[in-house]
Every structure is written in structure tokens, then in C-alpha cells.
Amino acid sequence: MTQLHELSAAELGEVYRSGRASPVEVTESVLAHIARWEPTLCATWALDPDGARAAARAAEGRWQRGAPLGPLDGVPCTLKENIATRGVPVPLGTAATDLVPATDDAPPAARLREAGCVILGKTTMPDWGMLSSGLSSFHRLARNPWNPALNPGGSSAGAGAAAAAGYGPLHLGTDIGGSIRLPAGWCGVVGFKPSNGRVPIKPPYYGRVAGPMTRSVRDTALMMGVLSAPDARDTMSLPAQTLPWDDLDIDLRGLRMGLQMDPGWGLAVDPQVAAAVQAAARAFEAAGAHVEIAGPASTREMMDGLDRFWRMRSWMDFRKLPPERQALVLPYIREWIEMGEQLSGEQVFHGFSQMGAMRDAAVAACAGFDFVLSPVCPIATYAADWASPTNDPARPLEHIAFTVPYNMSEQPAISIDCGQTADGRPIGLQIVGQRHDDIGTLRLAAAWERLRPPSRDWPLPP
């Protein structure tokens, strides 16, 4: 029998409307489920049971009066801890942060609160979000619910683990190079990086977005309907636009799809990952789509330049810290940052320019296609206590060649489960849409949910 904590956001709306269960009952079920899982997964920080219960009681009253705030009223959710919420510090994943309570809700948190969502608390991330890992100098080591010896990925590490483990249906991550899609792929959930500016965020930054991490495309779409509301605090946001988030139908016949299996640099694609993604492409082809090989979306020079720029950006923040706080930063991150001290102005400027070069290359690679299919990552997940798939700060970004170009090009991209390795590690399929075609990208992901073989049961707490 399906438990209350297992219900999707779409299902909860119907449950609340019919009176079969209340937001209070659902919240209690989710909190109990988190308590069973959390000693193993360590996916949360600043969990707020009392605040969640108060929000659930308020939502229960609105449903009883027949006046819910919307389809997500009373639905439990978590936020990545770099999304500010009023009164809660924002550690940014590192022990070096001075824990000062935030004065306001960031735009995504404000939209979810206004929609009546029951905010359970925060999910964990690595230091400054600069790892695709659950390793952090501030948080406990986050683990993957499919196998706690494995990494959930990052930097939305706790969100990916929480979504797969069933910590309620809705989770919010952020992504600047793959930080939503990588943990979504390695945890077997849906992770949507919307078009840059589609979801207002503060502070905005080149390539940085916030987006949903859920167990289904339908729940992701429901969440986008709330998150995409305008907020003037994001000076890089798109103009307000009413989009049909609830319409996920698409005709696959005649769609032009690119299949990108060679990213141009980075780790070699694991044969099991390649086989799963190629099988998805064949399924779309059998349903009427035209699939052709797509070329790489970036080069080694582009990524090396971006790496240098990111190192310098982080070095400038790091050097402002007093020595005693610098010493608290994760050693792997500290070693990566300190390489920035040796960079010249010319190298940093060239690195900055590679964001534009990568943008041009990604858009060109997608030209002529309605959508591009690829692996989310060349490999399945890796050891829980490693900082990255290479575990080498001199080569920290070898696994993001399929994801980072689409941050720079501002295109929507989604990770969705397309199988698992022989030892049970999830494999993510990435679907990339044309710039601003968020609806089309979600529709194609929903079509894949219908085409793919039945998914295995979700993992259970030990």
C-alpha cells in the first residue's frame, strides 16, 4: 500500500481536495520517513519540524475552507541550503562561513512559501557548491540512497538524495555546471535546469539557475509553475511569461533529435552509460523521431579557461577570509582555489571569454535539432567520500563536459533516469532543448517516462 510520504505533489492535490488525508498527516508521515533515513543519508541541514507542522496546519485550514493557495498548498518541500530563507544562516556548505541568519527569503523560497508549500528545511551541499559530491567541511557526508557507499553527486547533493529517498515530493537545487542534473542522474530522479532567468534567483550569476528535483516530470512542471513567477530582485531574469506548465503532451513524429555521445573532452563514456542512452535514442526513433549524431558542444580550451576563471573567482573570496577560517575549508577545495593565486590577468581574462565561446559552440551543436540527447555524465556514480570522480583537484571537472555547455548557452536541460549499471547505479539521460523552450523540454522528458521500461522500486531506509 502506498504510504502518504510516497505520494507525488500531483497526487497530494487530489488527496487534499477529496479529504482523504490532510497536509498535517502527510507532513508527519514525511518527517517520520526522514527520521528513518537521515542517520544513513545525512541529506538535510536546519530541518525544521516545528515550522513544517505550523505550515501544514495553516494549509489544512485552507483546504478545509475550500480556499487553497494553489495546487502545491500543503505539499512538503526542501530547499538547497544556498537558497536563503528568513532567519536561517546560509553556510554555503563550508565551515569557513560566518553563520549569520538571512534577513529575507530568496526568490525561489518566497515563491514556494507563497504557494503554501510546507518547507521542511534545507538540503546539504559541498563547500561553495564547487564539487559534484556530498563531501563538505560543514555538513555531514551525504550519501546515495541506492547504495550509501556511493556518492549522491552535487552540488545539490542532499536534494538528490532526498528526492530519491522520498523526503517529500518537491526539492529545489541550483546548477552552474551540472549541479542539479548530475545528482539527479546519479540518484535516478528528475532534475531540471531551466533556461537561465526562467526562475528568478538572488544573487544571479552567469550560468546559475535554480530548478526542481523530483521523482516525476509532472511534479517538476507543477513546481515550475510556481518558481517561474517574476521577482525584480533578479536583474538577469527573463520577462514574465504565462506558460502552459500543465500541458505535457507532445507528438514525437518528425521531431529532429541530435544524439551527442562525444562531448569533446573529459572522461571517456562508460560502455554501460553509452548503451542506456543509445537505447533511449532508439526508443524515440521507433516512436517517430529522426535521430542523428550531434557534435561536441565545447572544447578542452574552453573548459580549461572556465576552470581558471572559476579558480580566480574563488581565490578572491578565499583570500578575504582570516587564516583561521581559511583553514576550515575542505582541503580539496583549498588546493583547487590556491592554484588561482598564480594566474595572470591575461589568463583570467581569456578564461572569462571562454564562457562566450562555449555558449556559441553549444548553440551551434544544437542547430538543426529540436532537442539533443546525451548522457548526463560519462560515468555512473563513485565512492561516497571522494570529492569528484577523479578525486584530483588538478583535474576536478572532467565529468561535466555534457552538462556545463548548456549553462553557458542558457538552454533548458533535464536529467531523467534511463537505466542502471549491472551493479545498480542509476544512469541519467540528458535532454537539451532550444533556448527558452522549457515547456518542450519537459514534454519530451514526459514522453520518455512513457516510453522507458518500468522503473524499479524506490530505495527503502535500512
Protein backbone atom coordinates (compact mmCIF):
# COMPACT_ATOMS: atom_id res chain seq x y z
CA MET A 1 0.00 0.00 0.00
CA THR A 2 1.29 3.46 -0.92
CA GLN A 3 2.29 5.48 2.14
CA LEU A 4 1.50 9.18 2.47
CA HIS A 5 5.16 10.18 2.23
CA GLU A 6 5.38 8.38 -1.14
CA LEU A 7 2.65 10.42 -2.84
CA SER A 8 3.60 12.84 -5.60
CA ALA A 9 2.71 16.52 -5.48
CA ALA A 10 0.12 15.93 -8.19
CA GLU A 11 -1.45 13.13 -6.14
CA LEU A 12 -1.42 15.18 -2.94
CA GLY A 13 -3.52 17.89 -4.53
CA GLU A 14 -6.24 15.32 -5.24
CA VAL A 15 -5.89 13.77 -1.79
CA TYR A 16 -6.30 17.13 -0.07
CA ARG A 17 -9.20 18.12 -2.29
CA SER A 18 -11.05 14.88 -1.53
CA GLY A 19 -10.27 15.00 2.18
CA ARG A 20 -8.69 11.52 2.17
CA ALA A 21 -5.70 12.93 4.05
CA SER A 22 -4.60 16.32 5.32
CA PRO A 23 -1.35 18.30 4.99
CA VAL A 24 -0.73 17.63 8.70
CA GLU A 25 -0.96 13.86 8.24
CA VAL A 26 1.28 13.97 5.16
CA THR A 27 3.86 16.16 6.88
CA GLU A 28 4.02 13.82 9.88
CA SER A 29 4.49 10.86 7.55
CA VAL A 30 7.31 12.61 5.69
CA LEU A 31 9.05 13.69 8.91
CA ALA A 32 8.90 10.14 10.25
CA HIS A 33 10.31 8.82 6.98
CA ILE A 34 13.16 11.35 7.09
CA ALA A 35 13.94 10.25 10.66
CA ARG A 36 14.33 6.66 9.44
CA TRP A 37 16.62 7.58 6.56
CA GLU A 38 18.62 10.52 7.86
CA PRO A 39 21.13 8.73 10.12
CA THR A 40 22.33 6.98 6.97
CA LEU A 41 21.94 9.63 4.24
CA CYS A 42 22.77 12.86 6.10
CA ALA A 43 20.97 14.84 3.38
CA THR A 44 19.46 17.65 5.47
CA TRP A 45 20.54 20.68 7.44
CA ALA A 46 18.39 23.05 9.52
CA LEU A 47 15.50 20.59 9.44
CA ASP A 48 12.54 22.45 10.95
CA PRO A 49 9.81 20.04 12.14
CA ASP A 50 8.01 22.68 14.21
CA GLY A 51 7.92 25.18 11.35
CA ALA A 52 6.77 22.46 8.96
CA ARG A 53 3.97 21.42 11.29
CA ALA A 54 2.79 25.02 11.65
CA ALA A 55 2.76 25.47 7.86
CA ALA A 56 0.89 22.18 7.46
CA ARG A 57 -1.79 23.24 9.96
CA ALA A 58 -2.30 26.51 8.10
CA ALA A 59 -2.59 24.64 4.79
CA GLU A 60 -5.02 22.15 6.33
CA GLY A 61 -7.27 25.03 7.36
CA ARG A 62 -7.24 26.50 3.87
CA TRP A 63 -8.16 23.17 2.25
CA GLN A 64 -10.96 22.66 4.79
CA ARG A 65 -12.35 26.09 3.88
CA GLY A 66 -12.12 25.28 0.19
CA ALA A 67 -9.60 28.10 -0.31
CA PRO A 68 -6.17 26.58 -1.02
CA LEU A 69 -3.47 28.91 -2.25
CA GLY A 70 -2.89 26.71 -5.28
CA PRO A 71 -2.04 23.14 -6.32
CA LEU A 72 1.05 23.00 -4.08
CA ASP A 73 -0.64 24.21 -0.89
CA GLY A 74 0.36 21.84 1.90
CA VAL A 75 2.89 19.91 -0.21
CA PRO A 76 6.19 19.20 1.61
CA CYS A 77 9.40 20.50 0.04
CA THR A 78 13.07 21.08 0.80
CA LEU A 79 15.45 23.81 -0.37
CA LYS A 80 19.16 23.56 -1.09
CA GLU A 81 20.89 25.41 1.73
CA ASN A 82 22.30 28.15 -0.52
CA ILE A 83 18.72 29.34 -1.14
CA ALA A 84 18.21 31.86 1.65
CA THR A 85 15.24 31.61 3.99
CA ARG A 86 14.44 34.29 6.52
CA GLY A 87 16.06 33.68 9.91
CA VAL A 88 18.26 30.76 8.81
CA PRO A 89 22.03 31.07 8.17
CA VAL A 90 23.42 30.19 4.73
CA PRO A 91 26.62 28.17 5.30
CA LEU A 92 27.27 27.59 1.57
CA GLY A 93 28.48 24.13 2.50
CA THR A 94 31.67 25.28 4.20
CA ALA A 95 32.77 25.53 7.81
CA ALA A 96 34.51 28.79 6.89
CA THR A 97 31.21 30.69 6.66
CA ASP A 98 30.15 33.06 9.42
CA LEU A 99 26.66 31.81 10.34
CA VAL A 100 24.55 34.96 10.13
CA PRO A 101 20.76 34.45 9.77
CA ALA A 102 19.37 35.54 6.41
CA THR A 103 17.12 38.60 6.54
CA ASP A 104 14.80 37.60 3.66
CA ASP A 105 13.61 34.66 1.62
CA ALA A 106 15.43 34.39 -1.72
CA PRO A 107 13.05 34.49 -4.71
CA PRO A 108 12.59 30.70 -5.08
CA ALA A 109 11.95 30.28 -1.36
CA ALA A 110 9.49 33.19 -1.40
CA ARG A 111 7.54 31.69 -4.31
CA LEU A 112 7.25 28.27 -2.66
CA ARG A 113 6.21 29.79 0.66
CA GLU A 114 3.60 31.98 -1.08
CA ALA A 115 2.24 28.84 -2.77
CA GLY A 116 1.67 27.25 0.64
CA CYS A 117 4.42 24.65 0.39
CA VAL A 118 5.44 23.07 3.69
CA ILE A 119 9.16 23.87 3.88
CA LEU A 120 10.76 21.03 5.83
CA GLY A 121 14.24 22.53 5.95
CA LYS A 122 17.41 22.65 3.88
CA THR A 123 19.42 20.05 1.99
CA THR A 124 23.19 19.87 2.05
CA MET A 125 25.88 20.92 -0.43
CA PRO A 126 29.71 20.85 -0.62
CA ASP A 127 31.95 23.85 0.04
CA TRP A 128 30.72 26.84 -2.04
CA GLY A 129 28.95 24.38 -4.34
CA MET A 130 32.23 23.70 -6.14
CA LEU A 131 32.07 19.88 -6.04
CA SER A 132 29.89 17.25 -7.70
CA SER A 133 29.91 15.44 -4.38
CA GLY A 134 28.24 15.10 -1.00
CA LEU A 135 31.55 15.92 0.74
CA SER A 136 31.58 19.10 2.82
CA SER A 137 33.65 20.72 5.56
CA PHE A 138 30.44 21.87 7.29
CA HIS A 139 27.82 19.19 6.68
CA ARG A 140 27.97 15.50 7.40
CA LEU A 141 28.90 13.34 4.42
CA ALA A 142 25.78 12.94 2.26
CA ARG A 143 25.23 9.51 0.73
CA ASN A 144 23.29 7.92 -2.11
CA PRO A 145 20.10 6.06 -1.07
CA TRP A 146 20.58 3.39 -3.75
CA ASN A 147 23.84 2.44 -2.03
CA PRO A 148 25.14 4.51 0.92
CA ALA A 149 28.71 3.61 -0.01
CA LEU A 150 28.23 5.72 -3.14
CA ASN A 151 28.10 9.46 -3.79
CA PRO A 152 24.79 11.25 -4.42
CA GLY A 153 26.63 13.77 -6.60
CA GLY A 154 26.47 17.51 -6.22
CA SER A 155 26.49 20.24 -5.64
CA SER A 156 22.76 19.71 -4.98
CA ALA A 157 23.85 16.62 -3.07
CA GLY A 158 21.28 16.48 -0.29
CA ALA A 159 18.48 17.38 -2.69
CA GLY A 160 19.27 14.47 -4.99
CA ALA A 161 19.46 12.04 -2.10
CA ALA A 162 16.29 13.44 -0.53
CA ALA A 163 14.31 13.14 -3.76
CA ALA A 164 15.33 9.53 -4.34
CA ALA A 165 14.74 8.60 -0.70
CA GLY A 166 11.27 10.16 -0.61
CA TYR A 167 11.76 13.15 1.72
CA GLY A 168 8.51 14.50 0.30
CA PRO A 169 7.88 15.11 -3.41
CA LEU A 170 9.50 18.52 -4.08
CA HIS A 171 13.13 19.57 -3.80
CA LEU A 172 14.93 22.67 -5.03
CA GLY A 173 18.51 22.64 -6.31
CA THR A 174 20.84 25.06 -8.08
CA ASP A 175 23.07 24.50 -11.11
CA ILE A 176 26.02 26.38 -12.62
CA GLY A 177 27.79 23.49 -14.37
CA GLY A 178 25.63 20.44 -13.71
CA SER A 179 24.78 20.72 -10.02
CA ILE A 180 21.11 19.76 -10.49
CA ARG A 181 21.49 17.27 -13.34
CA LEU A 182 24.49 15.33 -12.01
CA PRO A 183 22.98 14.35 -8.63
CA ALA A 184 19.63 13.76 -10.36
CA GLY A 185 21.31 11.37 -12.78
CA TRP A 186 23.28 9.57 -10.10
CA CYS A 187 20.24 9.32 -7.80
CA GLY A 188 17.78 8.28 -10.52
CA VAL A 189 15.43 11.28 -10.23
CA VAL A 190 14.27 14.15 -12.44
CA GLY A 191 16.48 17.23 -12.29
CA PHE A 192 15.55 20.26 -14.40
CA LYS A 193 17.90 23.11 -15.23
CA PRO A 194 15.53 25.68 -16.74
CA SER A 195 16.55 28.36 -19.18
CA ASN A 196 18.73 30.93 -17.46
CA GLY A 197 16.49 33.59 -15.95
CA ARG A 198 13.33 31.48 -16.08
CA VAL A 199 13.40 31.05 -12.28
CA PRO A 200 14.40 34.31 -10.56
CA ILE A 201 17.24 33.83 -8.13
CA LYS A 202 19.36 36.02 -5.85
CA PRO A 203 22.20 36.54 -6.33
CA PRO A 204 22.10 35.96 -10.11
CA TYR A 205 25.31 34.91 -11.85
CA TYR A 206 26.40 33.76 -15.31
CA GLY A 207 25.07 30.26 -15.87
CA ARG A 208 23.49 29.97 -12.42
CA VAL A 209 19.93 28.71 -12.15
CA ALA A 210 17.58 27.20 -9.58
CA GLY A 211 15.36 24.30 -10.54
CA PRO A 212 13.25 21.35 -9.36
CA MET A 213 14.46 17.89 -8.34
CA THR A 214 11.57 15.44 -8.10
CA ARG A 215 10.56 11.86 -8.83
CA SER A 216 8.41 12.76 -11.85
CA VAL A 217 8.23 15.24 -14.70
CA ARG A 218 4.67 16.15 -13.68
CA ASP A 219 5.86 17.29 -10.25
CA THR A 220 8.71 19.22 -11.84
CA ALA A 221 6.20 21.03 -14.06
CA LEU A 222 3.96 21.83 -11.09
CA MET A 223 6.95 23.29 -9.27
CA MET A 224 7.98 25.36 -12.30
CA GLY A 225 4.53 26.91 -12.43
CA VAL A 226 5.29 28.46 -9.05
CA LEU A 227 9.04 29.09 -9.32
CA SER A 228 8.84 30.95 -12.63
CA ALA A 229 6.76 33.83 -11.23
CA PRO A 230 8.61 37.15 -11.62
CA ASP A 231 10.82 38.77 -8.99
CA ALA A 232 12.52 42.11 -9.63
CA ARG A 233 15.44 41.20 -7.38
CA ASP A 234 16.90 39.04 -10.17
CA THR A 235 18.33 41.55 -12.65
CA MET A 236 19.12 38.73 -15.11
CA SER A 237 15.64 37.17 -15.13
CA LEU A 238 13.50 36.69 -18.22
CA PRO A 239 10.38 38.80 -18.75
CA ALA A 240 7.30 37.43 -17.03
CA GLN A 241 5.51 34.92 -19.25
CA THR A 242 2.46 32.71 -18.81
CA LEU A 243 3.41 29.20 -19.93
CA PRO A 244 1.29 26.01 -20.07
CA TRP A 245 3.21 24.07 -17.44
CA ASP A 246 0.32 21.63 -17.04
CA ASP A 247 0.38 20.59 -20.74
CA LEU A 248 2.97 17.83 -21.13
CA ASP A 249 1.71 16.23 -24.36
CA ILE A 250 3.99 16.09 -27.42
CA ASP A 251 3.87 14.42 -30.83
CA LEU A 252 7.21 12.67 -31.36
CA ARG A 253 6.65 12.09 -35.05
CA GLY A 254 9.02 14.15 -37.14
CA LEU A 255 10.98 15.66 -34.25
CA ARG A 256 14.65 16.18 -35.09
CA MET A 257 16.92 14.89 -32.34
CA GLY A 258 20.69 15.00 -32.02
CA LEU A 259 22.48 12.22 -30.17
CA GLN A 260 25.62 13.59 -28.54
CA MET A 261 27.90 10.81 -27.30
CA ASP A 262 31.26 12.59 -27.69
CA PRO A 263 31.45 15.71 -25.51
CA GLY A 264 34.79 16.78 -26.97
CA TRP A 265 36.88 16.41 -23.80
CA GLY A 266 36.81 14.87 -20.31
CA LEU A 267 36.25 11.34 -19.09
CA ALA A 268 35.53 8.57 -21.57
CA VAL A 269 31.90 7.46 -21.66
CA ASP A 270 31.39 4.21 -19.77
CA PRO A 271 30.03 1.49 -22.11
CA GLN A 272 27.06 0.85 -19.81
CA VAL A 273 26.16 4.55 -19.80
CA ALA A 274 26.51 4.70 -23.58
CA ALA A 275 24.29 1.65 -24.07
CA ALA A 276 21.49 3.07 -21.90
CA VAL A 277 21.47 6.46 -23.65
CA GLN A 278 21.64 4.89 -27.10
CA ALA A 279 18.71 2.64 -26.18
CA ALA A 280 16.69 5.75 -25.27
CA ALA A 281 17.55 7.31 -28.64
CA ARG A 282 16.37 4.16 -30.43
CA ALA A 283 13.10 4.27 -28.48
CA PHE A 284 12.47 7.85 -29.60
CA GLU A 285 13.33 6.83 -33.15
CA ALA A 286 10.88 3.92 -33.02
CA ALA A 287 8.20 6.40 -31.88
CA GLY A 288 8.71 8.52 -35.00
CA ALA A 289 11.54 10.92 -34.22
CA HIS A 290 14.54 11.41 -36.53
CA VAL A 291 17.83 10.89 -34.65
CA GLU A 292 21.23 11.96 -35.95
CA ILE A 293 24.68 12.24 -34.39
CA ALA A 294 25.40 15.67 -32.88
CA GLY A 295 28.91 17.03 -32.48
CA PRO A 296 30.59 18.21 -29.26
CA ALA A 297 29.30 21.34 -27.53
CA SER A 298 32.66 22.53 -26.12
CA THR A 299 36.42 22.03 -26.26
CA ARG A 300 39.23 21.43 -23.80
CA GLU A 301 40.45 25.01 -24.27
CA MET A 302 37.03 26.36 -23.34
CA MET A 303 36.81 24.28 -20.18
CA ASP A 304 40.39 24.98 -19.10
CA GLY A 305 39.67 28.69 -19.46
CA LEU A 306 36.45 28.45 -17.46
CA ASP A 307 38.28 26.45 -14.79
CA ARG A 308 40.89 29.22 -14.47
CA PHE A 309 38.20 31.88 -14.21
CA TRP A 310 36.31 29.95 -11.53
CA ARG A 311 39.53 29.35 -9.58
CA MET A 312 40.33 33.08 -9.56
CA ARG A 313 36.77 33.98 -8.57
CA SER A 314 37.00 31.56 -5.63
CA TRP A 315 40.55 32.65 -4.75
CA MET A 316 39.39 36.25 -4.41
CA ASP A 317 36.70 35.16 -1.95
CA PHE A 318 39.07 32.80 -0.13
CA ARG A 319 41.85 35.33 0.42
CA LYS A 320 39.42 37.72 2.17
CA LEU A 321 38.94 35.17 4.95
CA PRO A 322 41.13 35.32 8.07
CA PRO A 323 43.71 32.48 8.24
CA GLU A 324 41.78 30.58 10.91
CA ARG A 325 38.72 30.41 8.64
CA GLN A 326 40.73 29.61 5.53
CA ALA A 327 42.00 26.55 7.39
CA LEU A 328 38.42 25.28 7.78
CA VAL A 329 37.79 24.98 4.03
CA LEU A 330 37.78 21.44 2.66
CA PRO A 331 41.42 20.60 1.76
CA TYR A 332 40.49 19.50 -1.78
CA ILE A 333 38.72 22.81 -2.41
CA ARG A 334 41.53 24.78 -0.77
CA GLU A 335 44.10 23.15 -3.07
CA TRP A 336 41.95 23.88 -6.13
CA ILE A 337 41.43 27.52 -5.09
CA GLU A 338 45.08 28.21 -4.29
CA MET A 339 46.08 27.43 -7.86
CA GLY A 340 44.27 30.66 -8.77
CA GLU A 341 46.92 32.75 -6.98
CA GLN A 342 49.40 32.00 -9.77
CA LEU A 343 47.14 33.09 -12.64
CA SER A 344 47.92 36.21 -14.67
CA GLY A 345 45.39 38.82 -15.68
CA GLU A 346 45.67 37.63 -19.27
CA GLN A 347 44.87 34.04 -18.27
CA VAL A 348 41.86 35.11 -16.23
CA PHE A 349 40.51 37.34 -19.00
CA HIS A 350 40.94 34.53 -21.51
CA GLY A 351 39.12 32.23 -19.09
CA PHE A 352 36.22 34.65 -18.79
CA SER A 353 35.99 34.90 -22.58
CA GLN A 354 35.58 31.13 -22.83
CA MET A 355 32.07 31.39 -21.38
CA GLY A 356 31.07 33.19 -24.56
CA ALA A 357 32.99 30.75 -26.73
CA MET A 358 31.28 27.82 -25.02
CA ARG A 359 27.91 29.46 -25.46
CA ASP A 360 28.49 29.79 -29.21
CA ALA A 361 29.70 26.19 -29.51
CA ALA A 362 26.72 24.77 -27.58
CA VAL A 363 24.17 26.68 -29.65
CA ALA A 364 25.94 25.58 -32.85
CA ALA A 365 25.97 21.93 -31.74
CA CYS A 366 22.19 22.08 -31.28
CA ALA A 367 21.44 23.93 -34.51
CA GLY A 368 19.14 21.94 -36.77
CA PHE A 369 17.75 19.88 -33.91
CA ASP A 370 14.61 20.30 -31.83
CA PHE A 371 16.33 18.51 -28.94
CA VAL A 372 19.69 16.94 -28.16
CA LEU A 373 20.06 13.69 -26.18
CA SER A 374 23.21 12.79 -24.27
CA PRO A 375 24.43 11.15 -21.08
CA VAL A 376 24.22 13.41 -18.05
CA CYS A 377 27.70 12.24 -17.11
CA PRO A 378 30.20 9.91 -18.81
CA ILE A 379 30.21 7.63 -15.77
CA ALA A 380 27.87 6.36 -13.08
CA THR A 381 28.42 7.47 -9.50
CA TYR A 382 31.51 6.82 -7.42
CA ALA A 383 32.74 6.46 -3.82
CA ALA A 384 30.83 8.49 -1.23
CA ASP A 385 33.92 10.05 0.37
CA TRP A 386 35.52 11.24 -2.88
CA ALA A 387 35.38 14.92 -3.79
CA SER A 388 34.94 14.21 -7.52
CA PRO A 389 35.03 11.26 -9.91
CA THR A 390 38.79 11.78 -10.40
CA ASN A 391 39.33 12.81 -6.74
CA ASP A 392 42.11 15.03 -8.11
CA PRO A 393 41.96 18.84 -7.59
CA ALA A 394 44.22 19.30 -10.61
CA ARG A 395 41.55 17.59 -12.78
CA PRO A 396 38.32 18.44 -10.95
CA LEU A 397 35.89 19.00 -13.84
CA GLU A 398 36.48 16.06 -16.19
CA HIS A 399 32.95 14.76 -15.62
CA ILE A 400 30.90 17.87 -16.56
CA ALA A 401 31.54 18.01 -20.31
CA PHE A 402 27.95 17.06 -21.14
CA THR A 403 26.35 19.50 -18.68
CA VAL A 404 28.31 22.76 -18.39
CA PRO A 405 27.96 23.94 -22.03
CA TYR A 406 24.20 24.34 -21.55
CA ASN A 407 24.66 26.56 -18.52
CA MET A 408 26.74 28.88 -20.64
CA SER A 409 24.29 28.75 -23.58
CA GLU A 410 21.27 29.33 -21.28
CA GLN A 411 19.40 26.35 -22.76
CA PRO A 412 16.97 24.23 -20.72
CA ALA A 413 18.28 20.76 -19.91
CA ILE A 414 16.79 17.94 -17.87
CA SER A 415 18.17 14.75 -16.35
CA ILE A 416 15.87 11.74 -16.25
CA ASP A 417 16.58 8.14 -15.34
CA CYS A 418 17.23 5.78 -18.26
CA GLY A 419 18.50 2.63 -16.55
CA GLN A 420 21.19 1.36 -14.26
CA THR A 421 24.55 -0.34 -14.38
CA ALA A 422 24.96 -4.04 -13.66
CA ASP A 423 25.66 -3.18 -10.01
CA GLY A 424 22.58 -0.96 -9.67
CA ARG A 425 23.95 2.58 -10.10
CA PRO A 426 21.44 4.88 -11.84
CA ILE A 427 22.20 6.26 -15.31
CA GLY A 428 20.85 9.67 -16.34
CA LEU A 429 19.66 10.72 -19.79
CA GLN A 430 20.08 14.43 -20.53
CA ILE A 431 17.54 16.13 -22.80
CA VAL A 432 18.54 19.60 -24.03
CA GLY A 433 16.05 21.99 -25.60
CA GLN A 434 16.49 25.12 -27.65
CA ARG A 435 16.90 28.37 -25.70
CA HIS A 436 13.75 29.23 -23.73
CA ASP A 437 11.89 26.05 -24.82
CA ASP A 438 11.39 24.91 -21.24
CA ILE A 439 7.93 23.54 -21.99
CA GLY A 440 9.14 21.46 -24.93
CA THR A 441 11.99 20.03 -22.87
CA LEU A 442 9.61 18.95 -20.10
CA ARG A 443 7.24 17.48 -22.68
CA LEU A 444 9.96 15.34 -24.22
CA ALA A 445 11.03 14.16 -20.76
CA ALA A 446 7.43 13.21 -20.00
CA ALA A 447 7.32 11.29 -23.28
CA TRP A 448 10.43 9.38 -22.17
CA GLU A 449 8.70 8.48 -18.89
CA ARG A 450 6.00 6.80 -21.00
CA LEU A 451 8.45 5.12 -23.40
CA ARG A 452 11.01 3.74 -20.97
CA PRO A 453 10.75 0.30 -19.35
CA PRO A 454 9.08 0.17 -15.92
CA SER A 455 11.28 1.71 -13.24
CA ARG A 456 12.47 -0.28 -10.26
CA ASP A 457 11.04 0.38 -6.79
CA TRP A 458 12.47 3.34 -4.91
CA PRO A 459 15.07 2.55 -2.22
CA LEU A 460 13.90 1.99 1.36
CA PRO A 461 15.59 3.05 4.61
CA PRO A 462 17.75 0.42 6.32
